[in-house]
């Protein structure tokens, strides 16, 4: 079990309270698919992902980015038991979707970049440390089924 300080909890809660889920989700998933094009293989049913412009304009990608951020809400609400909170999702991604677990880390990195850009100077060192700790726990929980 991960130990969270009151400060870390407050930082993570603050980040979520100011998120535009639709915008941040879309930008993060688009960034991941563009910067790491091999991740596109899991989105074959999402239509044309031929280039950055088509990815950025794809409504299915935008919707899935939003869905991912709403999925992170579950971790926020269950910070003391993220591993069990994501047990079914880990099983789905490993057994049914066969997603390479490293892609969770790549998406987390893209999400961090997008949030940092949105927050600007408010994305302090302490904010980054707490946020990346949170995402590393989520990534670990999602990859749990693979171990």
N, C-alpha and C. Protein backbone atom coordinates (compact mmCIF):
# COMPACT_ATOMS: atom_id res chain seq x y z
N UNK A 1 0.83 -1.19 0.00
CA UNK A 1 0.00 0.00 0.00
C UNK A 1 0.88 1.25 0.00
N UNK A 2 0.48 2.22 -0.75
CA UNK A 2 1.22 3.47 -0.87
C UNK A 2 0.77 4.42 0.23
N UNK A 3 1.73 5.07 0.82
CA UNK A 3 1.43 6.09 1.83
C UNK A 3 1.37 7.45 1.15
N UNK A 4 0.32 8.19 1.43
CA UNK A 4 0.14 9.53 0.86
C UNK A 4 0.18 10.55 1.99
N UNK A 5 0.94 11.61 1.78
CA UNK A 5 0.92 12.70 2.75
C UNK A 5 -0.32 13.55 2.50
N UNK A 6 -0.67 14.34 3.49
CA UNK A 6 -1.81 15.26 3.31
C UNK A 6 -1.53 16.24 2.18
N UNK A 7 -0.29 16.65 2.06
CA UNK A 7 0.10 17.58 1.00
C UNK A 7 -0.08 16.93 -0.38
N UNK A 8 0.35 15.69 -0.53
CA UNK A 8 0.19 14.99 -1.81
C UNK A 8 -1.28 14.83 -2.17
N UNK A 9 -2.09 14.46 -1.19
CA UNK A 9 -3.53 14.32 -1.43
C UNK A 9 -4.14 15.65 -1.88
N UNK A 10 -3.73 16.71 -1.22
CA UNK A 10 -4.27 18.04 -1.55
C UNK A 10 -3.84 18.45 -2.96
N UNK A 11 -2.61 18.19 -3.32
CA UNK A 11 -2.12 18.55 -4.65
C UNK A 11 -2.87 17.79 -5.73
N UNK A 12 -2.99 16.50 -5.56
CA UNK A 12 -3.66 15.67 -6.57
C UNK A 12 -5.13 16.06 -6.69
N UNK A 13 -5.78 16.27 -5.57
CA UNK A 13 -7.18 16.71 -5.59
C UNK A 13 -7.32 18.06 -6.29
N UNK A 14 -6.39 18.95 -6.02
CA UNK A 14 -6.41 20.27 -6.66
C UNK A 14 -6.24 20.16 -8.18
N UNK A 15 -5.35 19.31 -8.62
CA UNK A 15 -5.16 19.12 -10.07
C UNK A 15 -6.46 18.66 -10.70
N UNK A 16 -7.08 17.67 -10.11
CA UNK A 16 -8.34 17.15 -10.67
C UNK A 16 -9.45 18.19 -10.64
N UNK A 17 -9.49 19.00 -9.62
CA UNK A 17 -10.58 19.98 -9.51
C UNK A 17 -10.51 21.05 -10.59
N UNK A 18 -9.34 21.22 -11.18
CA UNK A 18 -9.17 22.24 -12.20
C UNK A 18 -9.04 21.69 -13.62
N UNK A 19 -9.22 20.38 -13.78
CA UNK A 19 -9.04 19.76 -15.09
C UNK A 19 -10.25 19.97 -15.99
N UNK A 20 -9.99 20.31 -17.22
CA UNK A 20 -10.99 20.25 -18.28
C UNK A 20 -10.81 18.87 -18.90
N UNK A 21 -11.61 17.91 -18.45
CA UNK A 21 -11.44 16.51 -18.83
C UNK A 21 -11.42 16.31 -20.34
N UNK A 22 -12.33 16.99 -21.03
CA UNK A 22 -12.42 16.80 -22.48
C UNK A 22 -11.16 17.29 -23.17
N UNK A 23 -10.70 18.46 -22.80
CA UNK A 23 -9.53 19.05 -23.45
C UNK A 23 -8.24 18.32 -23.07
N UNK A 24 -8.03 18.09 -21.80
CA UNK A 24 -6.80 17.45 -21.32
C UNK A 24 -6.75 16.00 -21.79
N UNK A 25 -7.87 15.32 -21.72
CA UNK A 25 -7.92 13.93 -22.17
C UNK A 25 -7.60 13.81 -23.65
N UNK A 26 -8.21 14.66 -24.46
CA UNK A 26 -7.96 14.64 -25.90
C UNK A 26 -6.50 14.95 -26.21
N UNK A 27 -6.00 16.02 -25.62
CA UNK A 27 -4.61 16.41 -25.89
C UNK A 27 -3.62 15.33 -25.47
N UNK A 28 -3.87 14.71 -24.33
CA UNK A 28 -2.93 13.70 -23.82
C UNK A 28 -2.91 12.45 -24.69
N UNK A 29 -4.09 11.95 -25.03
CA UNK A 29 -4.13 10.75 -25.86
C UNK A 29 -3.61 11.05 -27.27
N UNK A 30 -3.96 12.19 -27.82
CA UNK A 30 -3.44 12.57 -29.14
C UNK A 30 -1.92 12.65 -29.12
N UNK A 31 -1.38 13.28 -28.10
CA UNK A 31 0.08 13.41 -27.97
C UNK A 31 0.72 12.03 -27.93
N UNK A 32 0.13 11.12 -27.18
CA UNK A 32 0.68 9.77 -27.08
C UNK A 32 0.67 9.07 -28.44
N UNK A 33 -0.44 9.17 -29.15
CA UNK A 33 -0.56 8.50 -30.45
C UNK A 33 0.34 9.11 -31.51
N UNK A 34 0.60 10.40 -31.40
CA UNK A 34 1.45 11.08 -32.38
C UNK A 34 2.93 10.85 -32.06
N UNK A 35 3.30 11.03 -30.81
CA UNK A 35 4.71 10.92 -30.41
C UNK A 35 5.17 9.46 -30.41
N UNK A 36 4.28 8.56 -30.05
CA UNK A 36 4.59 7.13 -30.01
C UNK A 36 3.64 6.40 -30.97
N UNK A 37 3.88 6.49 -32.27
CA UNK A 37 2.91 5.98 -33.25
C UNK A 37 2.61 4.49 -33.13
N UNK A 38 3.48 3.71 -32.54
CA UNK A 38 3.19 2.29 -32.39
C UNK A 38 2.03 2.04 -31.44
N UNK A 39 1.68 3.03 -30.62
CA UNK A 39 0.53 2.87 -29.73
C UNK A 39 -0.79 2.90 -30.50
N UNK A 40 -0.76 3.34 -31.74
CA UNK A 40 -1.97 3.42 -32.56
C UNK A 40 -2.57 2.04 -32.84
N UNK A 41 -1.78 1.00 -32.75
CA UNK A 41 -2.27 -0.33 -33.10
C UNK A 41 -3.44 -0.78 -32.23
N UNK A 42 -3.60 -0.18 -31.09
CA UNK A 42 -4.71 -0.55 -30.20
C UNK A 42 -5.99 0.22 -30.52
N UNK A 43 -5.92 1.09 -31.49
CA UNK A 43 -7.06 1.94 -31.84
C UNK A 43 -7.47 1.74 -33.30
N UNK A 44 -7.33 0.52 -33.78
CA UNK A 44 -7.65 0.21 -35.17
C UNK A 44 -9.09 0.49 -35.54
N UNK A 45 -10.00 0.40 -34.59
CA UNK A 45 -11.40 0.65 -34.85
C UNK A 45 -11.80 2.12 -34.75
N UNK A 46 -10.83 2.98 -34.57
CA UNK A 46 -11.10 4.40 -34.39
C UNK A 46 -11.00 5.20 -35.68
N UNK A 47 -10.86 4.51 -36.80
CA UNK A 47 -10.82 5.21 -38.09
C UNK A 47 -9.42 5.63 -38.47
N UNK A 48 -9.34 6.63 -39.32
CA UNK A 48 -8.10 7.11 -39.90
C UNK A 48 -7.21 7.78 -38.85
N UNK A 49 -6.07 7.20 -38.62
CA UNK A 49 -5.06 7.77 -37.72
C UNK A 49 -3.76 7.97 -38.50
N UNK A 50 -3.90 8.33 -39.77
CA UNK A 50 -2.78 8.39 -40.71
C UNK A 50 -1.73 9.44 -40.35
N UNK A 51 -2.17 10.56 -39.83
CA UNK A 51 -1.21 11.62 -39.50
C UNK A 51 -1.72 12.41 -38.29
N UNK A 52 -0.91 13.35 -37.85
CA UNK A 52 -1.24 14.12 -36.65
C UNK A 52 -2.57 14.85 -36.79
N UNK A 53 -2.82 15.42 -37.95
CA UNK A 53 -4.06 16.17 -38.15
C UNK A 53 -5.29 15.29 -37.99
N UNK A 54 -5.25 14.10 -38.56
CA UNK A 54 -6.42 13.21 -38.45
C UNK A 54 -6.60 12.71 -37.02
N UNK A 55 -5.50 12.51 -36.32
CA UNK A 55 -5.59 12.09 -34.92
C UNK A 55 -6.20 13.21 -34.08
N UNK A 56 -5.72 14.43 -34.28
CA UNK A 56 -6.20 15.58 -33.51
C UNK A 56 -7.68 15.87 -33.74
N UNK A 57 -8.18 15.53 -34.91
CA UNK A 57 -9.58 15.81 -35.26
C UNK A 57 -10.51 14.62 -35.06
N UNK A 58 -9.98 13.51 -34.58
CA UNK A 58 -10.76 12.29 -34.45
C UNK A 58 -11.65 12.33 -33.20
N UNK A 59 -12.98 12.32 -33.37
CA UNK A 59 -13.87 12.40 -32.21
C UNK A 59 -13.81 11.17 -31.32
N UNK A 60 -13.48 10.01 -31.87
CA UNK A 60 -13.38 8.80 -31.05
C UNK A 60 -12.15 8.86 -30.14
N UNK A 61 -11.07 9.43 -30.66
CA UNK A 61 -9.87 9.61 -29.84
C UNK A 61 -10.17 10.60 -28.72
N UNK A 62 -10.82 11.70 -29.07
CA UNK A 62 -11.18 12.71 -28.06
C UNK A 62 -12.05 12.10 -26.97
N UNK A 63 -13.04 11.32 -27.36
CA UNK A 63 -13.94 10.69 -26.39
C UNK A 63 -13.19 9.70 -25.50
N UNK A 64 -12.27 8.95 -26.09
CA UNK A 64 -11.53 7.98 -25.29
C UNK A 64 -10.57 8.69 -24.33
N UNK A 65 -10.00 9.80 -24.76
CA UNK A 65 -9.15 10.58 -23.86
C UNK A 65 -9.92 11.06 -22.64
N UNK A 66 -11.15 11.50 -22.88
CA UNK A 66 -12.02 11.92 -21.78
C UNK A 66 -12.34 10.74 -20.87
N UNK A 67 -12.61 9.60 -21.47
CA UNK A 67 -12.92 8.38 -20.71
C UNK A 67 -11.74 7.99 -19.82
N UNK A 68 -10.53 8.14 -20.33
CA UNK A 68 -9.34 7.82 -19.55
C UNK A 68 -9.25 8.72 -18.32
N UNK A 69 -9.49 10.01 -18.51
CA UNK A 69 -9.42 10.92 -17.36
C UNK A 69 -10.51 10.62 -16.34
N UNK A 70 -11.70 10.28 -16.80
CA UNK A 70 -12.75 9.90 -15.86
C UNK A 70 -12.37 8.60 -15.14
N UNK A 71 -11.63 7.74 -15.82
CA UNK A 71 -11.12 6.53 -15.17
C UNK A 71 -10.13 6.85 -14.06
N UNK A 72 -9.38 7.93 -14.24
CA UNK A 72 -8.44 8.35 -13.19
C UNK A 72 -9.18 8.86 -11.96
N UNK A 73 -10.41 9.31 -12.15
CA UNK A 73 -11.24 9.71 -11.00
C UNK A 73 -11.36 8.56 -10.00
N UNK A 74 -11.46 7.36 -10.53
CA UNK A 74 -11.58 6.19 -9.66
C UNK A 74 -10.36 6.06 -8.75
N UNK A 75 -9.18 6.35 -9.30
CA UNK A 75 -7.96 6.29 -8.49
C UNK A 75 -7.97 7.40 -7.45
N UNK A 76 -8.40 8.59 -7.85
CA UNK A 76 -8.47 9.71 -6.92
C UNK A 76 -9.39 9.38 -5.75
N UNK A 77 -10.53 8.79 -6.04
CA UNK A 77 -11.51 8.47 -5.00
C UNK A 77 -11.10 7.26 -4.16
N UNK A 78 -10.13 6.50 -4.64
CA UNK A 78 -9.69 5.29 -3.94
C UNK A 78 -8.17 5.27 -3.80
N UNK A 79 -7.60 6.39 -3.40
CA UNK A 79 -6.15 6.50 -3.36
C UNK A 79 -5.48 5.48 -2.44
N UNK A 80 -6.20 4.99 -1.46
CA UNK A 80 -5.62 4.03 -0.53
C UNK A 80 -5.75 2.59 -1.02
N UNK A 81 -6.40 2.39 -2.17
CA UNK A 81 -6.57 1.04 -2.70
C UNK A 81 -6.63 1.06 -4.23
N UNK A 82 -5.71 1.75 -4.85
CA UNK A 82 -5.70 1.88 -6.31
C UNK A 82 -5.51 0.52 -6.97
N UNK A 83 -4.69 -0.32 -6.38
CA UNK A 83 -4.40 -1.63 -6.97
C UNK A 83 -5.69 -2.44 -7.16
N UNK A 84 -6.50 -2.53 -6.15
CA UNK A 84 -7.75 -3.28 -6.26
C UNK A 84 -8.79 -2.54 -7.08
N UNK A 85 -8.75 -1.22 -7.05
CA UNK A 85 -9.68 -0.41 -7.83
C UNK A 85 -9.52 -0.69 -9.32
N UNK A 86 -8.29 -0.92 -9.75
CA UNK A 86 -8.00 -1.14 -11.16
C UNK A 86 -7.81 -2.61 -11.54
N UNK A 87 -8.16 -3.53 -10.65
CA UNK A 87 -7.95 -4.96 -10.92
C UNK A 87 -8.69 -5.41 -12.19
N UNK A 88 -9.95 -5.06 -12.33
CA UNK A 88 -10.72 -5.47 -13.51
C UNK A 88 -10.20 -4.79 -14.78
N UNK A 89 -9.83 -3.52 -14.67
CA UNK A 89 -9.31 -2.80 -15.82
C UNK A 89 -7.97 -3.38 -16.27
N UNK A 90 -7.15 -3.79 -15.33
CA UNK A 90 -5.88 -4.43 -15.65
C UNK A 90 -6.13 -5.75 -16.39
N UNK A 91 -7.08 -6.51 -15.91
CA UNK A 91 -7.43 -7.77 -16.56
C UNK A 91 -7.94 -7.54 -17.98
N UNK A 92 -8.80 -6.55 -18.16
CA UNK A 92 -9.31 -6.22 -19.48
C UNK A 92 -8.18 -5.86 -20.44
N UNK A 93 -7.28 -4.99 -20.01
CA UNK A 93 -6.20 -4.53 -20.89
C UNK A 93 -5.18 -5.63 -21.18
N UNK A 94 -5.00 -6.55 -20.25
CA UNK A 94 -4.02 -7.61 -20.49
C UNK A 94 -4.61 -8.78 -21.26
N UNK A 95 -5.76 -9.29 -20.82
CA UNK A 95 -6.31 -10.51 -21.40
C UNK A 95 -7.14 -10.30 -22.65
N UNK A 96 -7.90 -9.23 -22.70
CA UNK A 96 -8.78 -9.01 -23.84
C UNK A 96 -8.16 -8.08 -24.90
N UNK A 97 -7.62 -6.96 -24.45
CA UNK A 97 -7.10 -5.96 -25.38
C UNK A 97 -5.63 -6.18 -25.73
N UNK A 98 -4.91 -6.93 -24.90
CA UNK A 98 -3.49 -7.24 -25.10
C UNK A 98 -2.63 -5.99 -25.29
N UNK A 99 -2.88 -5.00 -24.44
CA UNK A 99 -2.13 -3.75 -24.49
C UNK A 99 -0.77 -3.95 -23.83
N UNK A 100 0.26 -3.48 -24.49
CA UNK A 100 1.60 -3.50 -23.92
C UNK A 100 1.57 -2.60 -22.68
N UNK A 101 1.91 -3.12 -21.50
CA UNK A 101 1.79 -2.32 -20.28
C UNK A 101 2.67 -1.08 -20.27
N UNK A 102 3.73 -1.05 -21.08
CA UNK A 102 4.57 0.15 -21.13
C UNK A 102 3.80 1.34 -21.70
N UNK A 103 2.73 1.07 -22.45
CA UNK A 103 1.94 2.16 -23.01
C UNK A 103 1.23 2.96 -21.93
N UNK A 104 0.96 2.36 -20.79
CA UNK A 104 0.35 3.11 -19.69
C UNK A 104 1.33 4.19 -19.21
N UNK A 105 2.60 3.82 -19.14
CA UNK A 105 3.62 4.80 -18.72
C UNK A 105 3.77 5.91 -19.76
N UNK A 106 3.74 5.54 -21.03
CA UNK A 106 3.87 6.55 -22.08
C UNK A 106 2.71 7.54 -22.02
N UNK A 107 1.50 7.03 -21.83
CA UNK A 107 0.35 7.91 -21.72
C UNK A 107 0.44 8.77 -20.47
N UNK A 108 0.91 8.20 -19.37
CA UNK A 108 1.07 8.98 -18.14
C UNK A 108 2.07 10.11 -18.35
N UNK A 109 3.15 9.84 -19.07
CA UNK A 109 4.12 10.89 -19.37
C UNK A 109 3.50 12.00 -20.22
N UNK A 110 2.71 11.61 -21.22
CA UNK A 110 2.04 12.61 -22.06
C UNK A 110 1.04 13.42 -21.25
N UNK A 111 0.32 12.76 -20.37
CA UNK A 111 -0.64 13.45 -19.52
C UNK A 111 0.08 14.46 -18.63
N UNK A 112 1.22 14.09 -18.11
CA UNK A 112 2.00 14.99 -17.26
C UNK A 112 2.44 16.22 -18.04
N UNK A 113 2.91 16.02 -19.26
CA UNK A 113 3.35 17.15 -20.10
C UNK A 113 2.19 18.09 -20.37
N UNK A 114 1.04 17.54 -20.72
CA UNK A 114 -0.14 18.37 -21.04
C UNK A 114 -0.60 19.14 -19.81
N UNK A 115 -0.66 18.49 -18.68
CA UNK A 115 -1.09 19.16 -17.45
C UNK A 115 -0.08 20.24 -17.04
N UNK A 116 1.20 19.93 -17.16
CA UNK A 116 2.23 20.92 -16.84
C UNK A 116 2.09 22.15 -17.73
N UNK A 117 1.85 21.92 -19.02
CA UNK A 117 1.68 23.05 -19.94
C UNK A 117 0.45 23.87 -19.59
N UNK A 118 -0.62 23.21 -19.20
CA UNK A 118 -1.85 23.92 -18.84
C UNK A 118 -1.69 24.71 -17.54
N UNK A 119 -0.99 24.12 -16.57
CA UNK A 119 -0.84 24.77 -15.27
C UNK A 119 0.23 25.85 -15.27
N UNK A 120 1.18 25.75 -16.18
CA UNK A 120 2.24 26.74 -16.23
C UNK A 120 3.06 26.76 -14.95
N UNK A 121 3.35 27.96 -14.43
CA UNK A 121 4.19 28.06 -13.23
C UNK A 121 3.58 27.40 -11.99
N UNK A 122 2.28 27.15 -12.00
CA UNK A 122 1.66 26.49 -10.86
C UNK A 122 2.05 25.01 -10.77
N UNK A 123 2.62 24.47 -11.85
CA UNK A 123 3.10 23.09 -11.85
C UNK A 123 4.51 23.09 -11.26
N UNK A 124 4.55 23.20 -9.94
CA UNK A 124 5.81 23.31 -9.22
C UNK A 124 6.49 21.95 -9.10
N UNK A 125 7.66 21.95 -8.54
CA UNK A 125 8.38 20.70 -8.29
C UNK A 125 7.56 19.79 -7.40
N UNK A 126 7.00 20.34 -6.33
CA UNK A 126 6.19 19.53 -5.41
C UNK A 126 4.96 18.97 -6.12
N UNK A 127 4.37 19.77 -6.99
CA UNK A 127 3.20 19.32 -7.75
C UNK A 127 3.60 18.16 -8.66
N UNK A 128 4.71 18.32 -9.35
CA UNK A 128 5.17 17.27 -10.25
C UNK A 128 5.48 15.98 -9.50
N UNK A 129 6.11 16.08 -8.38
CA UNK A 129 6.46 14.90 -7.59
C UNK A 129 5.20 14.16 -7.16
N UNK A 130 4.23 14.88 -6.63
CA UNK A 130 2.99 14.24 -6.17
C UNK A 130 2.22 13.64 -7.35
N UNK A 131 2.14 14.40 -8.45
CA UNK A 131 1.40 13.93 -9.63
C UNK A 131 2.05 12.68 -10.22
N UNK A 132 3.36 12.69 -10.35
CA UNK A 132 4.03 11.53 -10.93
C UNK A 132 3.98 10.32 -9.99
N UNK A 133 3.97 10.55 -8.71
CA UNK A 133 3.80 9.45 -7.76
C UNK A 133 2.42 8.83 -7.96
N UNK A 134 1.41 9.68 -8.06
CA UNK A 134 0.04 9.21 -8.28
C UNK A 134 -0.04 8.39 -9.57
N UNK A 135 0.48 8.94 -10.66
CA UNK A 135 0.41 8.22 -11.93
C UNK A 135 1.22 6.94 -11.92
N UNK A 136 2.34 6.91 -11.21
CA UNK A 136 3.13 5.68 -11.16
C UNK A 136 2.38 4.58 -10.43
N UNK A 137 1.60 4.94 -9.42
CA UNK A 137 0.79 3.95 -8.72
C UNK A 137 -0.32 3.43 -9.64
N UNK A 138 -0.93 4.34 -10.41
CA UNK A 138 -1.97 3.94 -11.37
C UNK A 138 -1.38 3.02 -12.43
N UNK A 139 -0.24 3.40 -12.99
CA UNK A 139 0.41 2.60 -14.03
C UNK A 139 0.76 1.21 -13.49
N UNK A 140 1.28 1.17 -12.28
CA UNK A 140 1.60 -0.11 -11.66
C UNK A 140 0.35 -0.97 -11.48
N UNK A 141 -0.73 -0.35 -11.04
CA UNK A 141 -1.98 -1.09 -10.84
C UNK A 141 -2.53 -1.62 -12.16
N UNK A 142 -2.44 -0.81 -13.21
CA UNK A 142 -2.92 -1.26 -14.52
C UNK A 142 -2.06 -2.39 -15.07
N UNK A 143 -0.79 -2.38 -14.75
CA UNK A 143 0.10 -3.42 -15.23
C UNK A 143 0.18 -4.63 -14.32
N UNK A 144 -0.55 -4.62 -13.25
CA UNK A 144 -0.50 -5.69 -12.25
C UNK A 144 -0.82 -7.06 -12.84
N UNK A 145 -1.79 -7.15 -13.71
CA UNK A 145 -2.23 -8.42 -14.28
C UNK A 145 -1.12 -9.06 -15.13
N UNK A 146 -0.21 -8.25 -15.61
CA UNK A 146 0.85 -8.74 -16.48
C UNK A 146 1.94 -9.47 -15.72
N UNK A 147 2.03 -9.24 -14.42
CA UNK A 147 3.13 -9.81 -13.63
C UNK A 147 2.85 -11.24 -13.26
